[in-house]
Amino acid sequence: MTPSSHRLQRAGVVALTSLAGLAGAAAAWALFAGAAFDEERKTVDADRAPRRVIRDPDPTYSAIAVDPVRNEVALQDENLFQILMYDRLDNTPARAAMTEPIRVIGGKKTKVEFNCGLYVDRTNGDVYSVNNDTVDTMVVFSREAKGNVAPDRELHTPHRTFGIAVDEESQELFLTVQHPPKVVVYRKMASGEEKPIRTLEGPNTQLEDAHGIAVDMKSNLIFVSNHGSASNANVAGSGRFEPPSITVYPLKASGDSRPLRVIEGSKTQLNWPAGIYLDPEHGELYVANDVGDSILVFRTTDGGNVAPTRVLKGPKTGIKNPTGVFVDTKNQELWVSNMGNHAATVYPRTAEGDTAPLRTIRAAPRGKLALAIGNPGAVAYDSKRQEILVPN
């Protein structure tokens, strides 16, 4: 039975009821059958273009990693599902539409989709890309990879994996998972269906919609940024909103371990903290503060409701919805990937306030804002305001 005839059969129950006092059930059924035949005859498959499309045609940078050894910058494009490689000294002229990347990794063979976490191995230039929502796979490409090519290595990851960090000393790979929130740790060279070495998960961890992650090998610590959405995955109606936070754990923490300390509260200015980066040389933690349009810098020893030591924010900075941050200690530069305006911006490492960038890499004309459409799950129309509503 086809879907359309199934709908007509249910409608036919109403038709039979209304005709009960006429020619009887037989006549009613004949009438219904004829209507069903007409309806089936009119139903056709249509393959036609939409009347119009709302779509952002330009890359949006979700994460960033600098390779100071080879003077390259890797930028994730979560909008068009690509990894874009640029020269570290690229600087898009004000009147130019964009800067051409050195090479691009993208296409169905790459398994790059909704890519949000990024790591570049300084030793060999390998690029690690974490996919968040659809393919549940971390993919690894060699430095020479370009175009629509298969990954050199793949690791099946939990659904909603977001951030990535690597402990090169222990050769361990750390990934955050948004929901249910956890940190999963693998061998750095893990592939296929390999299971985690250990997992940090449970109500005592205070992980709440985990996003960014950084490891401090000097102090043997893990730092995780949390949006604050909390719930018990096994209990309906248990969802709640907690303040955004940075939680800190021992490097080898596992199970339902409590954090050593938590950065949380109104003074922190945290608002959807996304990517984070730890600079052990200067004892500083950098936070891409998405909704706050800012970069927040804390001391790695901070805890509680503390103000950042520095805040980079303002119209001159060019920062708009930052989701990725990287500190290049070799060149003393701070890099930011901005999902809100198709741009990556670079500053002196200690920049603060409303400081203009030293350089900017753009994938769209200057000042063009991103549409912020990301994996829309529904659409609605507000006839009063004549607006289209799109939840992402």
Protein backbone atom coordinates (compact mmCIF):
# COMPACT_ATOMS: atom_id res chain seq x y z
CA MET A 1 0.00 0.00 0.00
CA THR A 2 1.45 3.37 -0.99
CA PRO A 3 1.61 6.28 1.50
CA SER A 4 -1.01 8.26 -0.43
CA SER A 5 -3.50 5.36 -0.51
CA HIS A 6 -2.92 4.87 3.22
CA ARG A 7 -3.94 8.47 3.84
CA LEU A 8 -7.02 8.01 1.65
CA GLN A 9 -8.01 4.85 3.49
CA ARG A 10 -8.03 6.77 6.77
CA ALA A 11 -10.06 9.54 5.12
CA GLY A 12 -12.41 6.89 3.79
CA VAL A 13 -13.56 6.04 7.31
CA VAL A 14 -15.04 9.54 7.53
CA ALA A 15 -16.61 9.16 4.09
CA LEU A 16 -18.26 5.87 5.03
CA THR A 17 -19.78 7.39 8.15
CA SER A 18 -21.29 10.33 6.26
CA LEU A 19 -22.81 8.05 3.58
CA ALA A 20 -24.32 5.48 5.93
CA GLY A 21 -27.84 6.69 5.37
CA LEU A 22 -27.59 6.60 1.56
CA ALA A 23 -26.70 3.62 -0.57
CA GLY A 24 -24.96 1.66 2.15
CA ALA A 25 -21.43 0.62 2.74
CA ALA A 26 -20.94 -0.90 -0.70
CA ALA A 27 -21.76 2.31 -2.53
CA ALA A 28 -19.62 4.31 -0.13
CA TRP A 29 -16.67 2.03 -0.70
CA ALA A 30 -17.08 2.32 -4.47
CA LEU A 31 -17.08 6.11 -4.15
CA PHE A 32 -14.00 5.99 -1.98
CA ALA A 33 -12.21 3.60 -4.34
CA GLY A 34 -12.87 5.91 -7.27
CA ALA A 35 -11.53 8.87 -5.37
CA ALA A 36 -8.47 6.87 -4.41
CA PHE A 37 -7.92 5.93 -8.06
CA ASP A 38 -8.19 9.58 -9.15
CA GLU A 39 -5.85 10.66 -6.39
CA GLU A 40 -3.29 8.01 -7.27
CA ARG A 41 -3.51 8.96 -10.93
CA LYS A 42 -2.78 12.62 -10.09
CA THR A 43 0.17 11.86 -7.82
CA VAL A 44 3.51 12.25 -9.61
CA ASP A 45 7.14 12.48 -8.58
CA ALA A 46 8.57 15.93 -9.28
CA ASP A 47 12.26 16.63 -9.73
CA ARG A 48 12.48 20.38 -10.03
CA ALA A 49 14.69 23.14 -8.70
CA PRO A 50 13.49 25.21 -5.71
CA ARG A 51 12.11 28.67 -6.41
CA ARG A 52 14.80 30.21 -4.22
CA VAL A 53 17.51 29.09 -1.81
CA ILE A 54 18.78 30.64 1.43
CA ARG A 55 22.38 29.50 1.70
CA ASP A 56 25.75 30.87 2.71
CA PRO A 57 28.07 30.29 -0.27
CA ASP A 58 31.27 31.13 1.62
CA PRO A 59 33.43 29.17 4.07
CA THR A 60 32.91 29.73 7.80
CA TYR A 61 35.92 29.06 9.98
CA SER A 62 35.03 26.82 12.93
CA ALA A 63 38.53 25.93 14.18
CA ILE A 64 42.14 26.90 13.64
CA ALA A 65 45.61 25.38 14.05
CA VAL A 66 48.96 26.94 13.19
CA ASP A 67 51.93 24.92 11.96
CA PRO A 68 54.90 27.20 12.82
CA VAL A 69 57.39 24.63 11.51
CA ARG A 70 56.03 24.90 7.95
CA ASN A 71 54.55 28.41 8.30
CA GLU A 72 51.03 27.26 7.48
CA VAL A 73 47.58 27.83 9.00
CA ALA A 74 44.82 25.20 8.88
CA LEU A 75 41.23 26.43 9.02
CA GLN A 76 38.13 24.26 9.31
CA ASP A 77 35.20 25.23 7.09
CA GLU A 78 32.08 23.87 8.77
CA ASN A 79 29.77 25.44 6.19
CA LEU A 80 31.11 23.82 3.02
CA PHE A 81 32.77 20.84 4.75
CA GLN A 82 36.43 21.59 3.94
CA ILE A 83 39.85 22.03 5.51
CA LEU A 84 41.63 25.06 4.06
CA MET A 85 45.40 25.54 4.27
CA TYR A 86 46.93 29.04 4.05
CA ASP A 87 50.36 30.60 4.29
CA ARG A 88 50.88 31.91 7.84
CA LEU A 89 51.71 35.39 6.54
CA ASP A 90 48.68 35.70 4.26
CA ASN A 91 46.81 38.99 4.72
CA THR A 92 43.70 39.65 2.65
CA PRO A 93 43.73 43.20 1.22
CA ALA A 94 40.78 45.35 2.29
CA ARG A 95 39.30 45.52 -1.21
CA ALA A 96 39.92 41.86 -2.07
CA ALA A 97 37.01 39.42 -1.93
CA MET A 98 39.07 36.66 -0.33
CA THR A 99 42.45 34.92 -0.10
CA GLU A 100 43.02 31.73 -2.09
CA PRO A 101 44.17 28.83 0.11
CA ILE A 102 47.36 26.91 -0.70
CA ARG A 103 45.35 23.70 -0.83
CA VAL A 104 41.90 22.41 0.09
CA ILE A 105 40.79 19.05 1.50
CA GLY A 106 37.11 18.42 0.82
CA GLY A 107 34.58 16.13 -0.87
CA LYS A 108 32.63 12.95 -0.12
CA LYS A 109 35.72 10.75 0.03
CA THR A 110 37.21 12.86 2.84
CA LYS A 111 34.31 12.22 5.29
CA VAL A 112 34.65 15.83 6.42
CA GLU A 113 31.22 17.01 7.64
CA PHE A 114 30.26 19.50 10.35
CA ASN A 115 33.96 19.60 11.18
CA CYS A 116 34.63 21.44 14.44
CA GLY A 117 37.81 20.12 16.09
CA LEU A 118 41.25 20.53 14.52
CA TYR A 119 44.80 19.49 15.37
CA VAL A 120 48.02 19.68 13.34
CA ASP A 121 50.95 17.44 14.29
CA ARG A 122 54.09 19.58 14.41
CA THR A 123 56.33 16.60 13.81
CA ASN A 124 54.95 15.46 10.45
CA GLY A 125 52.24 18.00 9.56
CA ASP A 126 49.37 15.47 9.78
CA VAL A 127 45.94 17.12 10.04
CA TYR A 128 43.36 15.70 12.49
CA SER A 129 39.73 16.72 11.88
CA VAL A 130 36.82 15.97 14.23
CA ASN A 131 33.31 15.70 12.76
CA ASN A 132 30.53 16.63 15.14
CA ASP A 133 27.11 15.61 13.95
CA THR A 134 26.77 13.22 11.02
CA VAL A 135 29.59 10.82 10.20
CA ASP A 136 30.85 10.22 13.80
CA THR A 137 34.41 9.87 12.55
CA MET A 138 37.71 11.58 13.27
CA VAL A 139 39.77 11.70 10.08
CA VAL A 140 43.52 12.14 9.67
CA PHE A 141 45.26 13.42 6.52
CA SER A 142 48.91 13.72 5.65
CA ARG A 143 50.38 17.16 5.01
CA GLU A 144 50.45 16.45 1.26
CA ALA A 145 46.71 15.62 1.08
CA LYS A 146 44.51 17.82 -1.08
CA GLY A 147 41.25 17.60 -2.96
CA ASN A 148 38.62 14.90 -2.63
CA VAL A 149 40.81 12.17 -1.11
CA ALA A 150 40.18 9.42 1.43
CA PRO A 151 41.70 9.93 4.90
CA ASP A 152 44.97 8.17 5.74
CA ARG A 153 43.34 7.06 8.98
CA GLU A 154 39.83 7.04 10.49
CA LEU A 155 38.57 6.58 14.04
CA HIS A 156 34.90 5.92 14.84
CA THR A 157 33.97 8.43 17.55
CA PRO A 158 30.91 8.95 19.80
CA HIS A 159 28.05 11.01 18.41
CA ARG A 160 28.41 14.77 19.04
CA THR A 161 32.20 14.69 19.48
CA PHE A 162 33.50 18.28 19.41
CA GLY A 163 36.99 19.19 20.70
CA ILE A 164 40.42 17.64 20.32
CA ALA A 165 43.73 17.84 22.18
CA VAL A 166 46.82 15.63 22.09
CA ASP A 167 49.30 14.72 24.80
CA GLU A 168 52.39 14.12 22.68
CA GLU A 169 54.43 12.85 25.64
CA SER A 170 51.99 10.03 26.41
CA GLN A 171 50.83 9.72 22.78
CA GLU A 172 47.20 10.09 23.88
CA LEU A 173 44.28 11.70 22.05
CA PHE A 174 41.62 13.59 24.05
CA LEU A 175 38.13 14.25 22.62
CA THR A 176 35.14 15.99 24.17
CA VAL A 177 31.56 14.83 23.63
CA GLN A 178 28.72 17.32 23.99
CA HIS A 179 25.90 15.00 25.10
CA PRO A 180 25.94 12.93 27.15
CA PRO A 181 28.94 15.05 28.18
CA LYS A 182 32.25 13.25 28.56
CA VAL A 183 35.92 13.17 27.68
CA VAL A 184 37.14 10.09 25.83
CA VAL A 185 40.85 9.27 25.62
CA TYR A 186 42.37 7.11 22.86
CA ARG A 187 45.82 6.16 21.73
CA LYS A 188 47.02 8.91 19.44
CA MET A 189 47.30 6.41 16.57
CA ALA A 190 43.92 4.76 17.25
CA SER A 191 41.82 3.84 14.21
CA GLY A 192 38.70 1.99 13.15
CA GLU A 193 36.51 0.70 15.98
CA GLU A 194 39.21 0.97 18.63
CA LYS A 195 37.79 1.70 22.10
CA PRO A 196 38.92 4.51 24.44
CA ILE A 197 41.70 3.88 26.95
CA ARG A 198 39.59 5.67 29.55
CA THR A 199 36.50 7.87 29.81
CA LEU A 200 35.66 10.80 32.10
CA GLU A 201 31.88 10.88 32.54
CA GLY A 202 29.20 11.27 35.21
CA PRO A 203 27.30 13.83 37.32
CA ASN A 204 30.24 14.50 39.64
CA THR A 205 32.43 15.64 36.72
CA GLN A 206 30.27 18.77 36.24
CA LEU A 207 30.73 18.38 32.49
CA GLU A 208 27.81 20.23 30.89
CA ASP A 209 27.71 20.34 27.09
CA ALA A 210 31.48 19.95 26.79
CA HIS A 211 33.15 21.76 23.88
CA GLY A 212 36.79 22.83 23.92
CA ILE A 213 39.62 20.89 25.53
CA ALA A 214 43.28 21.57 26.33
CA VAL A 215 45.93 19.50 28.09
CA ASP A 216 48.75 20.86 30.23
CA MET A 217 51.59 18.35 30.18
CA LYS A 218 53.68 20.61 32.42
CA SER A 219 51.15 20.53 35.27
CA ASN A 220 49.42 17.28 34.24
CA LEU A 221 45.96 18.84 33.88
CA ILE A 222 42.94 18.77 31.56
CA PHE A 223 40.85 21.90 30.89
CA VAL A 224 37.33 21.64 29.39
CA SER A 225 34.96 24.43 28.34
CA ASN A 226 31.25 23.84 29.01
CA HIS A 227 28.24 25.67 27.56
CA GLY A 228 26.15 24.77 30.61
CA SER A 229 23.34 22.62 29.16
CA ALA A 230 22.90 19.75 31.62
CA SER A 231 20.65 16.70 31.88
CA ASN A 232 20.54 13.03 32.72
CA ALA A 233 20.29 11.23 29.38
CA ASN A 234 18.25 8.47 31.04
CA VAL A 235 15.73 10.73 32.81
CA ALA A 236 13.08 12.59 30.81
CA GLY A 237 12.56 16.19 31.85
CA SER A 238 15.85 16.43 33.73
CA GLY A 239 17.31 19.11 31.46
CA ARG A 240 18.44 22.39 32.99
CA PHE A 241 20.68 25.36 32.22
CA GLU A 242 23.77 25.91 34.36
CA PRO A 243 26.27 28.78 34.05
CA PRO A 244 28.99 28.23 31.43
CA SER A 245 32.25 27.07 32.92
CA ILE A 246 35.81 25.80 32.58
CA THR A 247 36.38 22.57 34.51
CA VAL A 248 39.86 21.32 35.45
CA TYR A 249 40.90 17.69 36.11
CA PRO A 250 44.03 15.61 36.62
CA LEU A 251 45.51 14.51 33.29
CA LYS A 252 44.72 10.84 33.94
CA ALA A 253 41.22 11.45 35.39
CA SER A 254 38.58 8.86 34.53
CA GLY A 255 35.15 7.68 35.62
CA ASP A 256 32.91 10.03 37.60
CA SER A 257 35.76 12.17 38.96
CA ARG A 258 35.12 15.60 40.44
CA PRO A 259 36.99 18.58 38.96
CA LEU A 260 39.94 19.97 40.91
CA ARG A 261 38.48 23.44 40.40
CA VAL A 262 35.92 25.27 38.26
CA ILE A 263 36.05 28.71 36.63
CA GLU A 264 32.45 29.92 36.70
CA GLY A 265 30.39 33.01 37.50
CA SER A 266 29.39 36.48 36.35
CA LYS A 267 32.92 37.94 36.61
CA THR A 268 34.32 35.37 34.15
CA GLN A 269 32.30 36.79 31.18
CA LEU A 270 31.99 33.22 29.84
CA ASN A 271 29.21 32.96 27.25
CA TRP A 272 29.20 29.79 25.12
CA PRO A 273 32.94 29.13 25.56
CA ALA A 274 34.01 27.06 22.56
CA GLY A 275 37.61 26.28 21.56
CA ILE A 276 40.32 26.76 24.20
CA TYR A 277 44.11 26.80 24.02
CA LEU A 278 46.63 26.41 26.81
CA ASP A 279 49.99 28.19 26.78
CA PRO A 280 52.08 26.34 29.40
CA GLU A 281 55.09 28.59 28.84
CA HIS A 282 53.21 31.62 30.20
CA GLY A 283 50.67 29.75 32.34
CA GLU A 284 47.68 31.11 30.44
CA LEU A 285 44.40 29.65 29.14
CA TYR A 286 42.80 31.29 26.07
CA VAL A 287 39.05 30.93 25.51
CA ALA A 288 37.13 31.58 22.28
CA ASN A 289 34.01 33.15 23.82
CA ASP A 290 31.45 32.61 21.04
CA VAL A 291 28.40 34.66 22.03
CA GLY A 292 30.55 37.21 23.85
CA ASP A 293 32.44 38.05 20.61
CA SER A 294 35.65 37.99 22.62
CA ILE A 295 38.81 36.15 23.59
CA LEU A 296 39.19 35.67 27.33
CA VAL A 297 42.54 34.89 28.98
CA PHE A 298 42.76 33.23 32.40
CA ARG A 299 45.66 32.04 34.49
CA THR A 300 45.95 28.25 34.49
CA THR A 301 45.75 28.38 38.30
CA ASP A 302 42.44 30.28 38.33
CA GLY A 303 39.27 28.93 39.92
CA GLY A 304 35.89 30.22 41.05
CA ASN A 305 34.20 33.43 39.97
CA VAL A 306 37.29 35.25 38.68
CA ALA A 307 37.70 37.96 36.06
CA PRO A 308 39.95 37.23 33.06
CA THR A 309 43.45 38.69 33.18
CA ARG A 310 42.90 40.01 29.64
CA VAL A 311 39.92 40.44 27.31
CA LEU A 312 40.24 41.01 23.56
CA LYS A 313 36.97 42.51 22.32
CA GLY A 314 35.57 45.41 20.31
CA PRO A 315 34.72 46.60 16.78
CA LYS A 316 38.36 47.12 15.79
CA THR A 317 39.29 43.52 16.62
CA GLY A 318 37.16 42.01 13.84
CA ILE A 319 36.13 39.24 16.26
CA LYS A 320 32.63 37.86 15.58
CA ASN A 321 31.41 34.57 17.09
CA PRO A 322 34.88 33.10 17.68
CA THR A 323 34.90 29.32 18.03
CA GLY A 324 38.60 28.55 17.61
CA VAL A 325 41.77 29.99 19.18
CA PHE A 326 45.48 29.16 18.86
CA VAL A 327 48.64 30.63 20.38
CA ASP A 328 51.78 30.50 18.22
CA THR A 329 54.49 30.88 20.87
CA LYS A 330 57.27 30.65 18.27
CA ASN A 331 56.08 33.85 16.59
CA GLN A 332 54.32 35.29 19.67
CA GLU A 333 50.97 35.53 17.88
CA LEU A 334 47.37 34.89 18.86
CA TRP A 335 45.06 33.44 16.16
CA VAL A 336 41.26 33.42 16.15
CA SER A 337 38.78 31.69 13.82
CA ASN A 338 35.52 33.65 13.56
CA MET A 339 32.40 31.80 12.42
CA GLY A 340 30.42 35.04 12.32
CA ASN A 341 32.26 36.88 9.55
CA HIS A 342 34.19 34.39 7.37
CA ALA A 343 37.52 35.57 8.80
CA ALA A 344 40.57 34.43 10.75
CA THR A 345 42.36 37.19 12.64
CA VAL A 346 45.85 37.35 14.17
CA TYR A 347 47.16 39.60 16.98
CA PRO A 348 50.21 40.00 19.21
CA ARG A 349 50.07 37.26 21.83
CA THR A 350 49.36 39.70 24.68
CA ALA A 351 46.75 41.78 22.81
CA GLU A 352 43.79 43.04 24.83
CA GLY A 353 40.98 45.56 24.61
CA ASP A 354 39.80 46.82 21.23
CA THR A 355 43.01 45.99 19.33
CA ALA A 356 43.01 45.77 15.53
CA PRO A 357 44.46 42.54 14.05
CA LEU A 358 47.97 42.40 12.61
CA ARG A 359 46.63 40.38 9.68
CA THR A 360 43.32 38.92 8.51
CA ILE A 361 42.56 35.95 6.29
CA ARG A 362 39.10 36.23 4.75
CA ALA A 363 37.01 33.78 2.71
CA ALA A 364 34.40 36.42 1.79
CA PRO A 365 34.21 40.18 1.16
CA ARG A 366 35.15 42.39 4.09
CA GLY A 367 32.30 42.97 6.53
CA LYS A 368 30.09 40.21 5.16
CA LEU A 369 28.42 38.39 8.03
CA ALA A 370 27.82 34.66 7.97
CA LEU A 371 24.21 33.49 7.78
CA ALA A 372 24.79 31.25 10.82
CA ILE A 373 22.79 28.39 9.32
CA GLY A 374 24.23 25.17 10.68
CA ASN A 375 22.47 21.82 10.29
CA PRO A 376 18.90 23.24 10.44
CA GLY A 377 16.42 20.72 11.81
CA ALA A 378 13.17 22.53 11.01
CA VAL A 379 11.74 25.72 9.52
CA ALA A 380 8.75 27.93 10.32
CA TYR A 381 7.19 31.10 8.90
CA ASP A 382 6.05 34.05 11.01
CA SER A 383 3.33 35.64 8.85
CA LYS A 384 2.95 38.64 11.18
CA ARG A 385 6.57 39.69 10.81
CA GLN A 386 7.11 37.97 7.46
CA GLU A 387 10.14 36.19 8.79
CA ILE A 388 11.50 32.67 8.28
CA LEU A 389 12.54 31.01 11.55
CA VAL A 390 15.31 28.40 11.36
CA PRO A 391 16.43 26.48 14.48
CA ASN A 392 19.98 25.14 14.14
